[in-house]
Amino acid sequence: MSVPRIIKVNELLRKLLGETMERELSLKKGVFITIAKIDTSRDLRYTRMFISVFPEQESHYVTETLKKELPKIQKELYTKLHMKPMPKLSFKIDTTAQEADVVEKLLKEIF
């Protein structure tokens, strides 16, 4: 399996997951999630979806909601994608922004 195929699968999954989550996921008012990155294994069995949450304090609430809604999201994905094997989804909080803030603060202290 080639890398360009994984890239195409990731792009397709990002699009479909975004649409599905917008339609199926009901979050508290004022809580927003963004799909930061999709990472599918080379054998297409597993997909990790990295999400960023705004406000950051609601990260725990969002992960709990996603855990509850995962079967519904996975089923919706199965009906739209016609590929085998179908990747099993997992969600991770993207901490890149927080880590970048820490590095930026350290750099400001140095200079």
C-alpha atoms as a PDB file:
ATOM      1  CA  MET A   1       0.000   0.000   0.000  1.00  0.00           C
ATOM      2  CA  SER A   2       1.406   3.329  -0.967  1.00  0.00           C
ATOM      3  CA  VAL A   3       1.598   6.532   1.037  1.00  0.00           C
ATOM      4  CA  PRO A   4      -0.538   8.552  -1.459  1.00  0.00           C
ATOM      5  CA  ARG A   5      -3.417   6.161  -0.776  1.00  0.00           C
ATOM      6  CA  ILE A   6      -3.172   6.802   2.971  1.00  0.00           C
ATOM      7  CA  ILE A   7      -3.173  10.552   2.286  1.00  0.00           C
ATOM      8  CA  LYS A   8      -6.345  10.233   0.195  1.00  0.00           C
ATOM      9  CA  VAL A   9      -8.021   8.057   2.829  1.00  0.00           C
ATOM     10  CA  ASN A  10      -7.107  10.611   5.528  1.00  0.00           C
ATOM     11  CA  GLU A  11      -8.579  13.461   3.477  1.00  0.00           C
ATOM     12  CA  LEU A  12     -11.770  11.507   2.811  1.00  0.00           C
ATOM     13  CA  LEU A  13     -12.105  10.546   6.475  1.00  0.00           C
ATOM     14  CA  ARG A  14     -11.536  14.150   7.576  1.00  0.00           C
ATOM     15  CA  LYS A  15     -14.307  15.354   5.280  1.00  0.00           C
ATOM     16  CA  LEU A  16     -16.796  12.630   6.223  1.00  0.00           C
ATOM     17  CA  LEU A  17     -16.029  12.792   9.951  1.00  0.00           C
ATOM     18  CA  GLY A  18     -16.411  16.567   9.941  1.00  0.00           C
ATOM     19  CA  GLU A  19     -19.805  16.338   8.267  1.00  0.00           C
ATOM     20  CA  THR A  20     -20.944  13.468  10.487  1.00  0.00           C
ATOM     21  CA  MET A  21     -19.825  15.122  13.715  1.00  0.00           C
ATOM     22  CA  GLU A  22     -21.485  18.388  12.748  1.00  0.00           C
ATOM     23  CA  ARG A  23     -24.762  16.590  12.123  1.00  0.00           C
ATOM     24  CA  GLU A  24     -24.738  13.869  14.796  1.00  0.00           C
ATOM     25  CA  LEU A  25     -22.809  15.383  17.712  1.00  0.00           C
ATOM     26  CA  SER A  26     -24.653  17.656  20.086  1.00  0.00           C
ATOM     27  CA  LEU A  27     -22.307  19.685  22.257  1.00  0.00           C
ATOM     28  CA  LYS A  28     -22.969  22.372  24.845  1.00  0.00           C
ATOM     29  CA  LYS A  29     -23.514  25.844  23.509  1.00  0.00           C
ATOM     30  CA  GLY A  30     -20.221  27.647  22.993  1.00  0.00           C
ATOM     31  CA  VAL A  31     -18.094  24.483  22.710  1.00  0.00           C
ATOM     32  CA  PHE A  32     -16.365  23.972  19.378  1.00  0.00           C
ATOM     33  CA  ILE A  33     -14.178  21.175  18.074  1.00  0.00           C
ATOM     34  CA  THR A  34     -11.883  21.144  15.086  1.00  0.00           C
ATOM     35  CA  ILE A  35     -10.306  18.148  13.426  1.00  0.00           C
ATOM     36  CA  ALA A  36      -6.613  19.001  13.574  1.00  0.00           C
ATOM     37  CA  LYS A  37      -5.184  15.834  12.058  1.00  0.00           C
ATOM     38  CA  ILE A  38      -6.219  12.395  10.846  1.00  0.00           C
ATOM     39  CA  ASP A  39      -3.688   9.584  11.130  1.00  0.00           C
ATOM     40  CA  THR A  40      -4.600   6.230   9.556  1.00  0.00           C
ATOM     41  CA  SER A  41      -2.420   3.159   9.966  1.00  0.00           C
ATOM     42  CA  ARG A  42      -0.791   1.696   6.874  1.00  0.00           C
ATOM     43  CA  ASP A  43      -3.051  -1.370   7.016  1.00  0.00           C
ATOM     44  CA  LEU A  44      -6.163   0.875   7.207  1.00  0.00           C
ATOM     45  CA  ARG A  45      -7.393  -0.806  10.388  1.00  0.00           C
ATOM     46  CA  TYR A  46      -7.019   2.124  12.789  1.00  0.00           C
ATOM     47  CA  THR A  47      -7.564   5.845  12.515  1.00  0.00           C
ATOM     48  CA  ARG A  48      -6.606   8.359  15.178  1.00  0.00           C
ATOM     49  CA  MET A  49      -8.408  11.645  14.962  1.00  0.00           C
ATOM     50  CA  PHE A  50      -6.680  14.536  16.701  1.00  0.00           C
ATOM     51  CA  ILE A  51      -9.113  17.262  17.702  1.00  0.00           C
ATOM     52  CA  SER A  52      -8.704  20.676  19.210  1.00  0.00           C
ATOM     53  CA  VAL A  53     -11.325  21.948  21.621  1.00  0.00           C
ATOM     54  CA  PHE A  54     -12.393  25.507  22.328  1.00  0.00           C
ATOM     55  CA  PRO A  55     -12.536  26.446  25.141  1.00  0.00           C
ATOM     56  CA  GLU A  56      -9.738  24.160  26.324  1.00  0.00           C
ATOM     57  CA  GLN A  57     -11.411  23.646  29.726  1.00  0.00           C
ATOM     58  CA  GLU A  58     -14.126  21.610  27.977  1.00  0.00           C
ATOM     59  CA  SER A  59     -11.694  18.957  26.664  1.00  0.00           C
ATOM     60  CA  HIS A  60     -12.828  16.350  29.197  1.00  0.00           C
ATOM     61  CA  TYR A  61     -16.490  16.992  28.393  1.00  0.00           C
ATOM     62  CA  VAL A  62     -15.821  16.642  24.647  1.00  0.00           C
ATOM     63  CA  THR A  63     -13.858  13.395  25.011  1.00  0.00           C
ATOM     64  CA  GLU A  64     -16.616  11.883  27.165  1.00  0.00           C
ATOM     65  CA  THR A  65     -19.254  12.947  24.630  1.00  0.00           C
ATOM     66  CA  LEU A  66     -17.214  11.488  21.769  1.00  0.00           C
ATOM     67  CA  LYS A  67     -16.808   8.193  23.638  1.00  0.00           C
ATOM     68  CA  LYS A  68     -20.586   7.970  24.042  1.00  0.00           C
ATOM     69  CA  GLU A  69     -21.284   8.925  20.434  1.00  0.00           C
ATOM     70  CA  LEU A  70     -18.499   6.857  18.853  1.00  0.00           C
ATOM     71  CA  PRO A  71     -20.711   3.901  17.832  1.00  0.00           C
ATOM     72  CA  LYS A  72     -23.133   6.262  16.086  1.00  0.00           C
ATOM     73  CA  ILE A  73     -20.304   8.083  14.302  1.00  0.00           C
ATOM     74  CA  GLN A  74     -18.646   4.797  13.321  1.00  0.00           C
ATOM     75  CA  LYS A  75     -21.935   3.410  11.955  1.00  0.00           C
ATOM     76  CA  GLU A  76     -22.543   6.560   9.914  1.00  0.00           C
ATOM     77  CA  LEU A  77     -19.041   6.270   8.503  1.00  0.00           C
ATOM     78  CA  TYR A  78     -19.615   2.610   7.590  1.00  0.00           C
ATOM     79  CA  THR A  79     -22.693   3.509   5.576  1.00  0.00           C
ATOM     80  CA  LYS A  80     -20.835   6.160   3.570  1.00  0.00           C
ATOM     81  CA  LEU A  81     -17.518   4.434   2.985  1.00  0.00           C
ATOM     82  CA  HIS A  82     -17.230   1.336   0.894  1.00  0.00           C
ATOM     83  CA  MET A  83     -13.788   0.143   1.849  1.00  0.00           C
ATOM     84  CA  LYS A  84     -12.339  -2.870   3.584  1.00  0.00           C
ATOM     85  CA  PRO A  85     -11.039  -2.982   6.159  1.00  0.00           C
ATOM     86  CA  MET A  86     -13.004  -0.167   7.741  1.00  0.00           C
ATOM     87  CA  PRO A  87     -10.760   1.751  10.143  1.00  0.00           C
ATOM     88  CA  LYS A  88     -11.590   1.710  13.832  1.00  0.00           C
ATOM     89  CA  LEU A  89     -11.744   5.279  15.154  1.00  0.00           C
ATOM     90  CA  SER A  90     -10.113   6.719  18.230  1.00  0.00           C
ATOM     91  CA  PHE A  91     -10.045  10.341  19.362  1.00  0.00           C
ATOM     92  CA  LYS A  92      -7.127  12.220  20.894  1.00  0.00           C
ATOM     93  CA  ILE A  93      -6.907  15.817  22.059  1.00  0.00           C
ATOM     94  CA  ASP A  94      -4.408  17.804  19.995  1.00  0.00           C
ATOM     95  CA  THR A  95      -2.084  19.634  22.364  1.00  0.00           C
ATOM     96  CA  THR A  96       0.066  21.309  19.721  1.00  0.00           C
ATOM     97  CA  ALA A  97      -1.268  24.796  20.478  1.00  0.00           C
ATOM     98  CA  GLN A  98      -0.595  24.484  24.222  1.00  0.00           C
ATOM     99  CA  GLU A  99       2.912  23.142  23.595  1.00  0.00           C
ATOM    100  CA  ALA A 100       3.607  25.981  21.150  1.00  0.00           C
ATOM    101  CA  ASP A 101       2.513  28.510  23.806  1.00  0.00           C
ATOM    102  CA  VAL A 102       4.936  27.015  26.333  1.00  0.00           C
ATOM    103  CA  VAL A 103       7.808  27.158  23.832  1.00  0.00           C
ATOM    104  CA  GLU A 104       6.919  30.729  22.908  1.00  0.00           C
ATOM    105  CA  LYS A 105       6.908  31.804  26.570  1.00  0.00           C
ATOM    106  CA  LEU A 106      10.273  30.133  27.144  1.00  0.00           C
ATOM    107  CA  LEU A 107      11.734  31.886  24.109  1.00  0.00           C
ATOM    108  CA  LYS A 108      10.435  35.246  25.352  1.00  0.00           C
ATOM    109  CA  GLU A 109      12.059  34.648  28.729  1.00  0.00           C
ATOM    110  CA  ILE A 110      15.387  33.886  27.069  1.00  0.00           C
ATOM    111  CA  PHE A 111      15.347  36.970  24.838  1.00  0.00           C
END
